[in-house]
PDB file of N, CA and C in Angstrom:
ATOM      1  N   MET A   1      -7.575 -32.038   6.229  1.00  0.00           N
ATOM      2  CA  MET A   1      -8.621 -31.839   7.213  1.00  0.00           C
ATOM      3  C   MET A   1      -9.484 -30.653   6.763  1.00  0.00           C
ATOM      4  N   SER A   2     -10.792 -30.845   6.797  1.00  0.00           N
ATOM      5  CA  SER A   2     -11.694 -29.781   6.384  1.00  0.00           C
ATOM      6  C   SER A   2     -11.813 -28.724   7.487  1.00  0.00           C
ATOM      7  N   LEU A   3     -12.374 -27.588   7.131  1.00  0.00           N
ATOM      8  CA  LEU A   3     -12.552 -26.515   8.101  1.00  0.00           C
ATOM      9  C   LEU A   3     -13.515 -26.915   9.209  1.00  0.00           C
ATOM     10  N   VAL A   4     -14.528 -27.696   8.873  1.00  0.00           N
ATOM     11  CA  VAL A   4     -15.481 -28.163   9.880  1.00  0.00           C
ATOM     12  C   VAL A   4     -14.790 -29.110  10.861  1.00  0.00           C
ATOM     13  N   GLU A   5     -13.985 -30.024  10.347  1.00  0.00           N
ATOM     14  CA  GLU A   5     -13.252 -30.956  11.210  1.00  0.00           C
ATOM     15  C   GLU A   5     -12.276 -30.219  12.116  1.00  0.00           C
ATOM     16  N   LEU A   6     -11.587 -29.224  11.573  1.00  0.00           N
ATOM     17  CA  LEU A   6     -10.649 -28.440  12.369  1.00  0.00           C
ATOM     18  C   LEU A   6     -11.371 -27.671  13.464  1.00  0.00           C
ATOM     19  N   THR A   7     -12.492 -27.064  13.121  1.00  0.00           N
ATOM     20  CA  THR A   7     -13.288 -26.333  14.106  1.00  0.00           C
ATOM     21  C   THR A   7     -13.763 -27.267  15.211  1.00  0.00           C
ATOM     22  N   GLU A   8     -14.263 -28.428  14.822  1.00  0.00           N
ATOM     23  CA  GLU A   8     -14.752 -29.394  15.808  1.00  0.00           C
ATOM     24  C   GLU A   8     -13.632 -29.855  16.741  1.00  0.00           C
ATOM     25  N   LYS A   9     -12.465 -30.108  16.188  1.00  0.00           N
ATOM     26  CA  LYS A   9     -11.328 -30.564  17.002  1.00  0.00           C
ATOM     27  C   LYS A   9     -10.924 -29.492  18.018  1.00  0.00           C
ATOM     28  N   ILE A  10     -10.866 -28.247  17.594  1.00  0.00           N
ATOM     29  CA  ILE A  10     -10.509 -27.155  18.500  1.00  0.00           C
ATOM     30  C   ILE A  10     -11.547 -27.009  19.606  1.00  0.00           C
ATOM     31  N   ILE A  11     -12.825 -26.993  19.230  1.00  0.00           N
ATOM     32  CA  ILE A  11     -13.906 -26.815  20.197  1.00  0.00           C
ATOM     33  C   ILE A  11     -13.917 -27.958  21.212  1.00  0.00           C
ATOM     34  N   LYS A  12     -13.777 -29.195  20.742  1.00  0.00           N
ATOM     35  CA  LYS A  12     -13.817 -30.350  21.644  1.00  0.00           C
ATOM     36  C   LYS A  12     -12.663 -30.351  22.637  1.00  0.00           C
ATOM     37  N   ASN A  13     -11.554 -29.737  22.286  1.00  0.00           N
ATOM     38  CA  ASN A  13     -10.429 -29.660  23.216  1.00  0.00           C
ATOM     39  C   ASN A  13     -10.621 -28.573  24.271  1.00  0.00           C
ATOM     40  N   ILE A  14     -11.603 -27.710  24.101  1.00  0.00           N
ATOM     41  CA  ILE A  14     -11.855 -26.631  25.052  1.00  0.00           C
ATOM     42  C   ILE A  14     -12.965 -26.993  26.038  1.00  0.00           C
ATOM     43  N   VAL A  15     -14.019 -27.635  25.564  1.00  0.00           N
ATOM     44  CA  VAL A  15     -15.206 -27.867  26.384  1.00  0.00           C
ATOM     45  C   VAL A  15     -15.031 -29.046  27.338  1.00  0.00           C
ATOM     46  N   SER A  16     -15.936 -29.108  28.325  1.00  0.00           N
ATOM     47  CA  SER A  16     -15.950 -30.223  29.282  1.00  0.00           C
ATOM     48  C   SER A  16     -16.728 -31.412  28.734  1.00  0.00           C
ATOM     49  N   ASN A  17     -17.826 -31.138  28.035  1.00  0.00           N
ATOM     50  CA  ASN A  17     -18.698 -32.182  27.524  1.00  0.00           C
ATOM     51  C   ASN A  17     -18.514 -32.309  26.012  1.00  0.00           C
ATOM     52  N   GLU A  18     -17.566 -33.134  25.599  1.00  0.00           N
ATOM     53  CA  GLU A  18     -17.252 -33.293  24.173  1.00  0.00           C
ATOM     54  C   GLU A  18     -18.396 -33.899  23.370  1.00  0.00           C
ATOM     55  N   GLU A  19     -19.195 -34.754  24.009  1.00  0.00           N
ATOM     56  CA  GLU A  19     -20.290 -35.417  23.314  1.00  0.00           C
ATOM     57  C   GLU A  19     -21.395 -34.439  22.911  1.00  0.00           C
ATOM     58  N   ALA A  20     -21.464 -33.297  23.596  1.00  0.00           N
ATOM     59  CA  ALA A  20     -22.519 -32.324  23.328  1.00  0.00           C
ATOM     60  C   ALA A  20     -22.143 -31.338  22.218  1.00  0.00           C
ATOM     61  N   VAL A  21     -20.989 -31.507  21.609  1.00  0.00           N
ATOM     62  CA  VAL A  21     -20.535 -30.583  20.565  1.00  0.00           C
ATOM     63  C   VAL A  21     -21.024 -31.057  19.197  1.00  0.00           C
ATOM     64  N   THR A  22     -21.652 -30.132  18.474  1.00  0.00           N
ATOM     65  CA  THR A  22     -22.085 -30.402  17.104  1.00  0.00           C
ATOM     66  C   THR A  22     -21.575 -29.272  16.217  1.00  0.00           C
ATOM     67  N   VAL A  23     -20.887 -29.640  15.144  1.00  0.00           N
ATOM     68  CA  VAL A  23     -20.354 -28.652  14.203  1.00  0.00           C
ATOM     69  C   VAL A  23     -20.818 -29.045  12.807  1.00  0.00           C
ATOM     70  N   LYS A  24     -21.504 -28.107  12.131  1.00  0.00           N
ATOM     71  CA  LYS A  24     -22.006 -28.374  10.788  1.00  0.00           C
ATOM     72  C   LYS A  24     -21.750 -27.183   9.880  1.00  0.00           C
ATOM     73  N   GLU A  25     -21.609 -27.486   8.611  1.00  0.00           N
ATOM     74  CA  GLU A  25     -21.451 -26.438   7.599  1.00  0.00           C
ATOM     75  C   GLU A  25     -22.783 -26.230   6.891  1.00  0.00           C
ATOM     76  N   PHE A  26     -23.151 -24.971   6.695  1.00  0.00           N
ATOM     77  CA  PHE A  26     -24.399 -24.637   6.021  1.00  0.00           C
ATOM     78  C   PHE A  26     -24.102 -23.857   4.752  1.00  0.00           C
ATOM     79  N   PRO A  27     -24.941 -24.031   3.741  1.00  0.00           N
ATOM     80  CA  PRO A  27     -24.736 -23.290   2.497  1.00  0.00           C
ATOM     81  C   PRO A  27     -25.003 -21.803   2.698  1.00  0.00           C
ATOM     82  N   SER A  28     -24.318 -21.000   1.928  1.00  0.00           N
ATOM     83  CA  SER A  28     -24.471 -19.553   1.986  1.00  0.00           C
ATOM     84  C   SER A  28     -24.956 -19.044   0.640  1.00  0.00           C
ATOM     85  N   ASP A  29     -25.633 -17.914   0.666  1.00  0.00           N
ATOM     86  CA  ASP A  29     -26.059 -17.292  -0.590  1.00  0.00           C
ATOM     87  C   ASP A  29     -24.864 -16.796  -1.395  1.00  0.00           C
ATOM     88  N   ASN A  30     -23.806 -16.442  -0.685  1.00  0.00           N
ATOM     89  CA  ASN A  30     -22.578 -15.963  -1.311  1.00  0.00           C
ATOM     90  C   ASN A  30     -21.659 -17.157  -1.555  1.00  0.00           C
ATOM     91  N   GLU A  31     -21.211 -17.351  -2.778  1.00  0.00           N
ATOM     92  CA  GLU A  31     -20.363 -18.504  -3.090  1.00  0.00           C
ATOM     93  C   GLU A  31     -18.964 -18.404  -2.494  1.00  0.00           C
ATOM     94  N   ASN A  32     -18.557 -17.217  -2.058  1.00  0.00           N
ATOM     95  CA  ASN A  32     -17.237 -17.033  -1.453  1.00  0.00           C
ATOM     96  C   ASN A  32     -17.296 -17.031   0.067  1.00  0.00           C
ATOM     97  N   GLU A  33     -18.348 -17.615   0.626  1.00  0.00           N
ATOM     98  CA  GLU A  33     -18.519 -17.611   2.074  1.00  0.00           C
ATOM     99  C   GLU A  33     -18.901 -19.010   2.555  1.00  0.00           C
ATOM    100  N   ILE A  34     -18.366 -19.373   3.709  1.00  0.00           N
ATOM    101  CA  ILE A  34     -18.692 -20.639   4.364  1.00  0.00           C
ATOM    102  C   ILE A  34     -19.281 -20.303   5.724  1.00  0.00           C
ATOM    103  N   ILE A  35     -20.410 -20.923   6.066  1.00  0.00           N
ATOM    104  CA  ILE A  35     -21.028 -20.713   7.369  1.00  0.00           C
ATOM    105  C   ILE A  35     -20.878 -21.998   8.176  1.00  0.00           C
ATOM    106  N   ILE A  36     -20.264 -21.892   9.352  1.00  0.00           N
ATOM    107  CA  ILE A  36     -20.091 -23.030  10.247  1.00  0.00           C
ATOM    108  C   ILE A  36     -20.879 -22.751  11.519  1.00  0.00           C
ATOM    109  N   GLU A  37     -21.773 -23.668  11.857  1.00  0.00           N
ATOM    110  CA  GLU A  37     -22.613 -23.541  13.053  1.00  0.00           C
ATOM    111  C   GLU A  37     -22.074 -24.496  14.115  1.00  0.00           C
ATOM    112  N   VAL A  38     -21.801 -23.954  15.312  1.00  0.00           N
ATOM    113  CA  VAL A  38     -21.285 -24.741  16.421  1.00  0.00           C
ATOM    114  C   VAL A  38     -22.316 -24.724  17.541  1.00  0.00           C
ATOM    115  N   LEU A  39     -22.726 -25.906  17.983  1.00  0.00           N
ATOM    116  CA  LEU A  39     -23.629 -26.032  19.115  1.00  0.00           C
ATOM    117  C   LEU A  39     -22.892 -26.702  20.260  1.00  0.00           C
ATOM    118  N   VAL A  40     -22.946 -26.083  21.439  1.00  0.00           N
ATOM    119  CA  VAL A  40     -22.325 -26.643  22.639  1.00  0.00           C
ATOM    120  C   VAL A  40     -23.339 -26.596  23.775  1.00  0.00           C
ATOM    121  N   SER A  41     -23.051 -27.305  24.853  1.00  0.00           N
ATOM    122  CA  SER A  41     -23.949 -27.277  26.000  1.00  0.00           C
ATOM    123  C   SER A  41     -23.910 -25.903  26.656  1.00  0.00           C
ATOM    124  N   GLU A  42     -24.961 -25.602  27.381  1.00  0.00           N
ATOM    125  CA  GLU A  42     -25.067 -24.292  28.020  1.00  0.00           C
ATOM    126  C   GLU A  42     -23.929 -24.055  29.014  1.00  0.00           C
ATOM    127  N   ALA A  43     -23.462 -25.114  29.661  1.00  0.00           N
ATOM    128  CA  ALA A  43     -22.378 -24.981  30.637  1.00  0.00           C
ATOM    129  C   ALA A  43     -21.043 -24.627  29.984  1.00  0.00           C
ATOM    130  N   ASP A  44     -20.885 -24.955  28.709  1.00  0.00           N
ATOM    131  CA  ASP A  44     -19.604 -24.737  28.022  1.00  0.00           C
ATOM    132  C   ASP A  44     -19.568 -23.481  27.158  1.00  0.00           C
ATOM    133  N   ILE A  45     -20.665 -22.783  27.013  1.00  0.00           N
ATOM    134  CA  ILE A  45     -20.699 -21.623  26.113  1.00  0.00           C
ATOM    135  C   ILE A  45     -19.716 -20.541  26.563  1.00  0.00           C
ATOM    136  N   GLY A  46     -19.571 -20.354  27.858  1.00  0.00           N
ATOM    137  CA  GLY A  46     -18.633 -19.350  28.371  1.00  0.00           C
ATOM    138  C   GLY A  46     -17.185 -19.684  28.054  1.00  0.00           C
ATOM    139  N   LYS A  47     -16.854 -20.976  28.058  1.00  0.00           N
ATOM    140  CA  LYS A  47     -15.486 -21.394  27.723  1.00  0.00           C
ATOM    141  C   LYS A  47     -15.164 -21.108  26.259  1.00  0.00           C
ATOM    142  N   ILE A  48     -16.150 -21.273  25.408  1.00  0.00           N
ATOM    143  CA  ILE A  48     -15.941 -21.056  23.980  1.00  0.00           C
ATOM    144  C   ILE A  48     -15.830 -19.569  23.660  1.00  0.00           C
ATOM    145  N   ILE A  49     -16.669 -18.763  24.286  1.00  0.00           N
ATOM    146  CA  ILE A  49     -16.629 -17.321  24.017  1.00  0.00           C
ATOM    147  C   ILE A  49     -15.404 -16.693  24.664  1.00  0.00           C
ATOM    148  N   GLY A  50     -15.121 -17.043  25.906  1.00  0.00           N
ATOM    149  CA  GLY A  50     -13.965 -16.498  26.606  1.00  0.00           C
ATOM    150  C   GLY A  50     -14.207 -15.075  27.082  1.00  0.00           C
ATOM    151  N   LYS A  51     -13.286 -14.570  27.849  1.00  0.00           N
ATOM    152  CA  LYS A  51     -13.402 -13.215  28.381  1.00  0.00           C
ATOM    153  C   LYS A  51     -13.292 -12.208  27.240  1.00  0.00           C
ATOM    154  N   ASN A  52     -14.314 -11.368  27.122  1.00  0.00           N
ATOM    155  CA  ASN A  52     -14.399 -10.365  26.058  1.00  0.00           C
ATOM    156  C   ASN A  52     -14.340 -10.972  24.656  1.00  0.00           C
ATOM    157  N   GLY A  53     -14.716 -12.243  24.514  1.00  0.00           N
ATOM    158  CA  GLY A  53     -14.750 -12.889  23.208  1.00  0.00           C
ATOM    159  C   GLY A  53     -13.395 -13.280  22.659  1.00  0.00           C
ATOM    160  N   LYS A  54     -12.384 -13.310  23.508  1.00  0.00           N
ATOM    161  CA  LYS A  54     -11.028 -13.585  23.007  1.00  0.00           C
ATOM    162  C   LYS A  54     -10.859 -15.004  22.468  1.00  0.00           C
ATOM    163  N   VAL A  55     -11.486 -15.985  23.107  1.00  0.00           N
ATOM    164  CA  VAL A  55     -11.318 -17.375  22.662  1.00  0.00           C
ATOM    165  C   VAL A  55     -11.981 -17.589  21.304  1.00  0.00           C
ATOM    166  N   ILE A  56     -13.227 -17.158  21.158  1.00  0.00           N
ATOM    167  CA  ILE A  56     -13.913 -17.357  19.872  1.00  0.00           C
ATOM    168  C   ILE A  56     -13.249 -16.547  18.771  1.00  0.00           C
ATOM    169  N   ASN A  57     -12.731 -15.390  19.079  1.00  0.00           N
ATOM    170  CA  ASN A  57     -12.022 -14.608  18.056  1.00  0.00           C
ATOM    171  C   ASN A  57     -10.738 -15.307  17.624  1.00  0.00           C
ATOM    172  N   ALA A  58     -10.055 -15.951  18.561  1.00  0.00           N
ATOM    173  CA  ALA A  58      -8.848 -16.704  18.219  1.00  0.00           C
ATOM    174  C   ALA A  58      -9.197 -17.904  17.338  1.00  0.00           C
ATOM    175  N   ILE A  59     -10.301 -18.584  17.677  1.00  0.00           N
ATOM    176  CA  ILE A  59     -10.748 -19.718  16.864  1.00  0.00           C
ATOM    177  C   ILE A  59     -11.100 -19.247  15.456  1.00  0.00           C
ATOM    178  N   ARG A  60     -11.813 -18.146  15.367  1.00  0.00           N
ATOM    179  CA  ARG A  60     -12.182 -17.601  14.050  1.00  0.00           C
ATOM    180  C   ARG A  60     -10.950 -17.245  13.229  1.00  0.00           C
ATOM    181  N   THR A  61      -9.940 -16.694  13.874  1.00  0.00           N
ATOM    182  CA  THR A  61      -8.700 -16.335  13.176  1.00  0.00           C
ATOM    183  C   THR A  61      -8.007 -17.578  12.626  1.00  0.00           C
ATOM    184  N   ILE A  62      -7.924 -18.622  13.443  1.00  0.00           N
ATOM    185  CA  ILE A  62      -7.274 -19.866  13.001  1.00  0.00           C
ATOM    186  C   ILE A  62      -8.013 -20.467  11.810  1.00  0.00           C
ATOM    187  N   ILE A  63      -9.328 -20.528  11.904  1.00  0.00           N
ATOM    188  CA  ILE A  63     -10.124 -21.124  10.833  1.00  0.00           C
ATOM    189  C   ILE A  63     -10.051 -20.271   9.567  1.00  0.00           C
ATOM    190  N   GLN A  64     -10.098 -18.948   9.719  1.00  0.00           N
ATOM    191  CA  GLN A  64     -10.016 -18.062   8.555  1.00  0.00           C
ATOM    192  C   GLN A  64      -8.671 -18.199   7.848  1.00  0.00           C
ATOM    193  N   GLU A  65      -7.602 -18.287   8.615  1.00  0.00           N
ATOM    194  CA  GLU A  65      -6.277 -18.450   8.006  1.00  0.00           C
ATOM    195  C   GLU A  65      -6.131 -19.818   7.347  1.00  0.00           C
ATOM    196  N   SER A  66      -6.753 -20.840   7.919  1.00  0.00           N
ATOM    197  CA  SER A  66      -6.748 -22.161   7.274  1.00  0.00           C
ATOM    198  C   SER A  66      -7.500 -22.110   5.948  1.00  0.00           C
ATOM    199  N   SER A  67      -8.583 -21.353   5.924  1.00  0.00           N
ATOM    200  CA  SER A  67      -9.333 -21.181   4.678  1.00  0.00           C
ATOM    201  C   SER A  67      -8.506 -20.442   3.638  1.00  0.00           C
ATOM    202  N   ALA A  68      -7.726 -19.479   4.084  1.00  0.00           N
ATOM    203  CA  ALA A  68      -6.880 -18.719   3.155  1.00  0.00           C
ATOM    204  C   ALA A  68      -5.858 -19.630   2.473  1.00  0.00           C
ATOM    205  N   LEU A  69      -5.412 -20.653   3.180  1.00  0.00           N
ATOM    206  CA  LEU A  69      -4.452 -21.593   2.602  1.00  0.00           C
ATOM    207  C   LEU A  69      -5.104 -22.552   1.609  1.00  0.00           C
ATOM    208  N   LYS A  70      -6.391 -22.846   1.798  1.00  0.00           N
ATOM    209  CA  LYS A  70      -7.076 -23.817   0.946  1.00  0.00           C
ATOM    210  C   LYS A  70      -7.815 -23.161  -0.214  1.00  0.00           C
ATOM    211  N   ASP A  71      -8.991 -22.593   0.081  1.00  0.00           N
ATOM    212  CA  ASP A  71      -9.824 -22.076  -0.997  1.00  0.00           C
ATOM    213  C   ASP A  71     -10.121 -20.591  -0.889  1.00  0.00           C
ATOM    214  N   ASN A  72      -9.556 -19.948   0.103  1.00  0.00           N
ATOM    215  CA  ASN A  72      -9.632 -18.491   0.283  1.00  0.00           C
ATOM    216  C   ASN A  72     -11.070 -17.974   0.310  1.00  0.00           C
ATOM    217  N   LYS A  73     -11.918 -18.645   1.087  1.00  0.00           N
ATOM    218  CA  LYS A  73     -13.286 -18.185   1.274  1.00  0.00           C
ATOM    219  C   LYS A  73     -13.425 -17.571   2.660  1.00  0.00           C
ATOM    220  N   TYR A  74     -14.360 -16.639   2.785  1.00  0.00           N
ATOM    221  CA  TYR A  74     -14.637 -16.031   4.079  1.00  0.00           C
ATOM    222  C   TYR A  74     -15.399 -17.046   4.931  1.00  0.00           C
ATOM    223  N   VAL A  75     -14.978 -17.224   6.184  1.00  0.00           N
ATOM    224  CA  VAL A  75     -15.608 -18.183   7.085  1.00  0.00           C
ATOM    225  C   VAL A  75     -16.349 -17.432   8.177  1.00  0.00           C
ATOM    226  N   LYS A  76     -17.610 -17.776   8.330  1.00  0.00           N
ATOM    227  CA  LYS A  76     -18.436 -17.183   9.379  1.00  0.00           C
ATOM    228  C   LYS A  76     -18.777 -18.296  10.367  1.00  0.00           C
ATOM    229  N   ILE A  77     -18.389 -18.132  11.637  1.00  0.00           N
ATOM    230  CA  ILE A  77     -18.652 -19.134  12.664  1.00  0.00           C
ATOM    231  C   ILE A  77     -19.700 -18.601  13.626  1.00  0.00           C
ATOM    232  N   ASN A  78     -20.799 -19.343  13.749  1.00  0.00           N
ATOM    233  CA  ASN A  78     -21.859 -18.987  14.682  1.00  0.00           C
ATOM    234  C   ASN A  78     -21.840 -19.981  15.840  1.00  0.00           C
ATOM    235  N   ILE A  79     -21.883 -19.453  17.059  1.00  0.00           N
ATOM    236  CA  ILE A  79     -21.879 -20.274  18.263  1.00  0.00           C
ATOM    237  C   ILE A  79     -23.251 -20.191  18.912  1.00  0.00           C
ATOM    238  N   ASP A  80     -23.787 -21.333  19.342  1.00  0.00           N
ATOM    239  CA  ASP A  80     -25.065 -21.337  20.042  1.00  0.00           C
ATOM    240  C   ASP A  80     -25.050 -22.453  21.079  1.00  0.00           C
ATOM    241  N   LYS A  81     -25.968 -22.379  22.019  1.00  0.00           N
ATOM    242  CA  LYS A  81     -26.073 -23.390  23.075  1.00  0.00           C
ATOM    243  C   LYS A  81     -27.410 -24.098  22.953  1.00  0.00           C
ATOM    244  N   PHE A  82     -27.481 -25.275  23.551  1.00  0.00           N
ATOM    245  CA  PHE A  82     -28.770 -25.980  23.596  1.00  0.00           C
ATOM    246  C   PHE A  82     -29.010 -26.526  24.965  1.00  0.00           C
TER     247      PHE A  82
END
């Protein structure tokens, strides 16, 4: 399972509107970095961020550790709403 697929699976299990979730990987200028962009509905952004950012930090930790097992690249996850 790729890092994008793992991120999408985690996010979809948290939000109310699964159809509104979009997860894409974007190229980075740094070859040792992966950028993952997550778009969710405005109603679900609070669920993803969590109180004091605890949920998104936990997601970032899981994805970063998964990357360490595969190709050991730094993963940057950006969350936005539409």
